[in-house]
Protein backbone atom coordinates (compact mmCIF):
# COMPACT_ATOMS: atom_id res chain seq x y z
CA ALA A 1 -4.45 -6.38 11.61
CA ARG A 2 -6.68 -3.49 12.38
CA GLY A 3 -6.28 0.16 11.79
CA GLY A 4 -3.96 -0.13 8.83
CA ALA A 5 -3.07 3.43 7.56
CA CYS A 6 -0.74 4.31 4.93
CA LEU A 7 1.53 7.14 6.19
CA LEU A 8 2.98 7.95 2.89
CA VAL A 9 1.10 11.26 2.46
CA PRO A 10 -0.62 11.61 -0.99
CA GLY A 11 0.43 14.87 -2.84
CA SER A 12 3.91 14.84 -1.34
CA PRO A 13 5.89 12.91 -4.02
CA CYS A 14 9.10 11.32 -2.74
CA ARG A 15 12.23 12.27 -4.36
CA CYS A 16 15.00 9.79 -4.98
CA THR A 17 18.43 10.84 -3.76
CA SER A 18 21.69 9.01 -4.26
CA CYS A 19 22.11 8.40 -0.62
CA LEU A 20 19.30 5.82 -0.85
CA CYS A 21 20.70 3.77 -3.59
CA ASP A 22 22.84 0.51 -2.98
CA LYS A 23 23.37 1.30 0.77
CA THR A 24 22.29 0.22 4.10
CA MET A 25 19.57 2.37 5.59
CA HIS A 26 18.44 2.43 9.27
CA ILE A 27 15.19 3.75 10.36
CA THR A 28 14.64 4.43 14.01
CA ILE A 29 11.45 5.47 15.81
CA VAL A 30 12.60 8.44 18.00
CA GLU A 31 9.24 9.72 18.95
CA ALA A 32 5.69 8.36 18.92
CA GLY A 33 2.30 9.62 19.91
CA ASP A 34 -0.15 7.92 22.28
CA LEU A 35 -0.46 4.47 20.88
CA PRO A 36 -2.06 1.23 22.07
CA SER A 37 0.44 -1.28 23.44
CA ASP A 38 -0.33 -3.66 20.62
CA ALA A 39 0.38 -1.23 17.86
CA PHE A 40 2.76 -2.35 15.06
CA LEU A 41 4.68 -0.35 12.33
CA SER A 42 5.43 -1.76 8.96
CA VAL A 43 8.06 -0.10 6.79
CA ARG A 44 8.58 -0.85 3.17
CA VAL A 45 11.44 0.08 1.00
CA GLY A 46 11.46 -1.29 -2.43
CA GLU A 47 10.59 -4.97 -2.23
CA THR A 48 11.58 -5.31 1.39
CA LYS A 49 9.24 -5.01 4.19
CA ARG A 50 9.81 -5.05 7.99
CA LEU A 51 7.44 -5.15 10.98
CA ARG A 52 8.13 -3.98 14.43
CA PRO A 53 6.27 -2.91 17.59
CA PHE A 54 5.33 0.73 17.17
CA LYS A 55 7.37 2.22 20.08
CA VAL A 56 10.34 4.49 20.63
CA GLY A 57 13.67 2.84 20.07
CA GLU A 58 12.56 0.14 17.49
CA ALA A 59 14.79 0.16 14.54
CA PHE A 60 14.42 -1.09 10.94
CA THR A 61 17.47 -2.02 8.75
CA PHE A 62 17.30 -2.25 5.02
CA LYS A 63 20.32 -3.60 3.21
CA GLY A 64 21.17 -3.01 -0.43
CA VAL A 65 18.59 -0.22 -0.98
CA ASP A 66 18.46 0.40 -4.75
CA ALA A 67 16.79 2.83 -6.93
CA SER A 68 13.87 0.48 -7.79
CA SER A 69 12.20 1.94 -4.57
CA GLY A 70 11.93 5.28 -6.40
CA GLY A 71 13.13 6.92 -3.15
CA CYS A 72 9.91 6.13 -1.44
CA ILE A 73 9.51 4.78 2.16
CA GLN A 74 6.01 3.35 2.90
CA PHE A 75 4.70 3.36 6.51
CA ASP A 76 1.69 1.39 7.67
CA ALA A 77 0.30 1.25 11.15
CA TYR A 78 -1.45 -1.78 12.50
CA GLU A 79 -3.18 -2.80 15.59
CA LYS A 80 -2.84 -6.39 16.69
CA LEU A 81 -6.18 -8.31 16.88
CA GLY A 82 -5.09 -11.58 18.43
CA SER A 83 -2.38 -14.24 18.43
CA LEU A 84 -2.14 -18.01 18.32
CA MET A 85 0.73 -20.62 18.19
CA THR A 86 -0.07 -23.91 16.97
CA ARG A 87 1.73 -27.03 15.60
CA GLY A 88 1.93 -27.49 11.88
CA PRO A 89 1.04 -30.77 10.06
CA GLU A 90 3.05 -33.90 11.02
CA ASP A 91 3.68 -34.79 7.42
CA ALA A 92 4.66 -31.64 5.40
CA SER A 93 4.73 -33.62 2.23
CA LYS A 94 0.90 -34.04 2.15
CA GLU A 95 -1.81 -31.38 1.80
CA SER A 96 -3.82 -30.69 5.02
CA LEU A 97 -6.76 -28.47 6.17
CA GLN A 98 -6.39 -27.07 9.70
CA ASP A 99 -9.07 -25.13 11.75
CA VAL A 100 -7.59 -22.29 13.76
CA SER A 101 -9.31 -20.05 16.37
CA ILE A 102 -7.40 -17.00 17.23
CA PRO A 103 -8.37 -15.44 20.67
CA THR A 104 -8.67 -11.69 20.80
CA ALA A 105 -8.37 -9.16 23.62
CA HIS A 106 -11.67 -7.54 22.69
CA GLY A 107 -14.54 -9.42 21.13
CA PRO A 108 -14.92 -13.00 19.93
CA SER A 109 -12.23 -15.34 18.67
CA ILE A 110 -11.41 -15.17 15.01
CA SER A 111 -12.02 -18.53 13.18
CA ALA A 112 -10.40 -19.48 10.00
CA LYS A 113 -9.65 -22.74 7.93
CA ILE A 114 -6.16 -22.94 6.70
CA ARG A 115 -4.84 -25.14 3.82
CA VAL A 116 -1.21 -26.27 4.10
CA SER A 117 0.24 -27.64 0.77
CA PRO A 118 3.60 -28.84 -0.24
CA THR A 119 5.30 -26.96 -3.10
CA GLU A 120 7.72 -28.07 -5.79
CA PRO A 121 10.75 -25.96 -6.33
CA GLN A 122 10.26 -23.76 -9.37
CA PRO A 123 12.48 -23.97 -12.37
CA VAL A 124 15.00 -21.03 -12.33
CA GLU A 125 13.65 -19.63 -15.66
CA LYS A 126 9.96 -19.65 -14.19
CA ARG A 127 11.28 -18.07 -10.98
CA GLU A 128 13.24 -15.26 -12.67
CA LYS A 129 10.18 -14.58 -14.92
CA LEU A 130 7.95 -14.22 -11.78
CA GLN A 131 10.48 -12.10 -10.04
CA THR A 132 10.75 -9.81 -13.04
CA ARG A 133 7.03 -9.49 -13.31
CA HIS A 134 6.76 -8.71 -9.49
CA LYS A 135 9.45 -6.10 -9.90
CA LEU A 136 7.74 -4.48 -12.70
CA ALA A 137 4.47 -4.33 -10.76
CA LEU A 138 6.33 -2.99 -7.71
CA ASP A 139 7.99 -0.27 -9.95
CA ALA A 140 4.60 0.80 -11.33
CA LYS A 141 3.03 1.00 -7.71
CA ASN A 142 6.01 3.03 -6.54
CA TYR A 143 5.57 5.50 -9.33
CA LEU A 144 1.87 5.80 -8.89
CA ASP A 145 2.17 6.18 -5.07
CA CYS A 146 5.17 8.65 -5.15
CA ASN A 147 3.45 10.91 -7.73
CA ASP A 148 0.03 10.65 -6.07
CA ILE A 149 -1.71 9.51 -9.31
CA TRP A 150 -4.56 7.63 -7.66
CA GLY A 151 -6.22 10.61 -5.98
CA PRO A 152 -6.83 12.66 -9.08
CA VAL A 153 -7.72 9.66 -11.16
CA GLN A 154 -10.28 8.43 -8.73
CA GLY A 155 -11.78 11.82 -8.28
CA MET A 156 -12.03 12.29 -12.08
CA LEU A 157 -13.80 8.92 -12.43
CA HIS A 158 -16.18 9.78 -9.62
CA ALA A 159 -16.98 13.11 -11.18
CA LEU A 160 -17.36 11.49 -14.64
CA LEU A 161 -19.87 8.99 -13.46
CA LYS A 162 -21.79 11.56 -11.49
CA ASN A 163 -22.22 14.16 -14.28
CA ARG A 164 -22.34 11.86 -17.25
CA PRO A 165 -21.04 14.38 -19.88
CA GLN A 166 -21.71 13.95 -23.56
CA ASP A 167 -18.02 14.33 -24.33
CA PRO A 168 -16.43 12.18 -21.57
CA VAL A 169 -12.81 12.50 -22.97
CA GLY A 170 -12.96 16.35 -23.12
CA TYR A 171 -14.45 16.34 -19.64
CA MET A 172 -11.52 14.14 -18.29
CA ILE A 173 -8.99 16.34 -20.04
CA ALA A 174 -10.44 19.50 -18.38
CA TYR A 175 -10.76 17.79 -15.07
CA LEU A 176 -7.03 16.69 -15.07
CA THR A 177 -6.08 20.18 -16.21
CA ASP A 178 -7.79 21.68 -13.16
CA ALA A 179 -6.17 18.94 -10.95
CA GLN A 180 -2.76 20.07 -12.45
CA ASP A 181 -3.38 23.65 -11.84
CA ALA A 182 -4.61 23.01 -8.20
CA ARG A 183 -1.52 20.95 -7.46
CA HIS A 184 0.84 23.54 -8.68
CA GLY A 185 -1.18 26.20 -6.79
CA GLY A 186 -1.36 24.25 -3.66
CA GLY A 187 -5.01 23.81 -3.61
CA ALA A 188 -7.47 20.97 -4.62
CA PRO A 189 -9.59 20.66 -7.78
CA GLY A 190 -13.17 21.49 -6.93
CA PRO A 191 -16.22 19.70 -8.20
CA ARG A 192 -16.56 20.23 -12.00
CA PRO A 193 -20.23 20.95 -12.92
CA ALA A 194 -21.74 19.17 -16.09
CA PRO A 195 -21.21 21.48 -19.10
CA GLN A 196 -24.38 23.36 -20.23
CA GLY A 197 -26.74 21.11 -22.18
CA GLU A 198 -25.28 17.85 -20.91
CA ARG A 199 -27.16 15.30 -18.92
CA PRO A 200 -27.02 15.93 -15.21
CA ALA A 201 -25.82 13.27 -12.67
CA PRO A 202 -28.65 10.78 -11.62
CA ALA A 203 -30.24 11.45 -8.32
């Protein structure tokens, strides 16, 4: 896919409401801007993701929406590069390698080598453990996304490496304090200069 763009706006935390918990939710595209004919919209709620053509009238249905989503709905816009339909291996019980060449509307075809391998059913205990681990990771991602944690943290690390302060912990505390003040005030934290006497950023 090309042109993937997360439409979950940073700085606008989602707020979970009881109407999103343990119910069926329908999301319908009622209006869309000028889009290419091969644009697609992906909508993710909790652990469930749906993909539809990005055009008016397309609908997404999510059943059993629970509180694990944190009240967040993530939108990703994609543009289709190409499409190919091919036959799978004749013997699905054996591993095989398959070369694929996906024609595109613009530019050369996309070539790839695909491995198709049989899998053994996982024991229930192992499967439940993997599902629990996945749920914990998803809950953590939802929390970070909904509260726009990555933006300030990435900005802080960039400023830290640029200014190389002698007291990095104090510098980070001050930077995050500025970020918190800016968020509550509706602004954005500006670049924090290196404190007096500290080593400036490398050229």
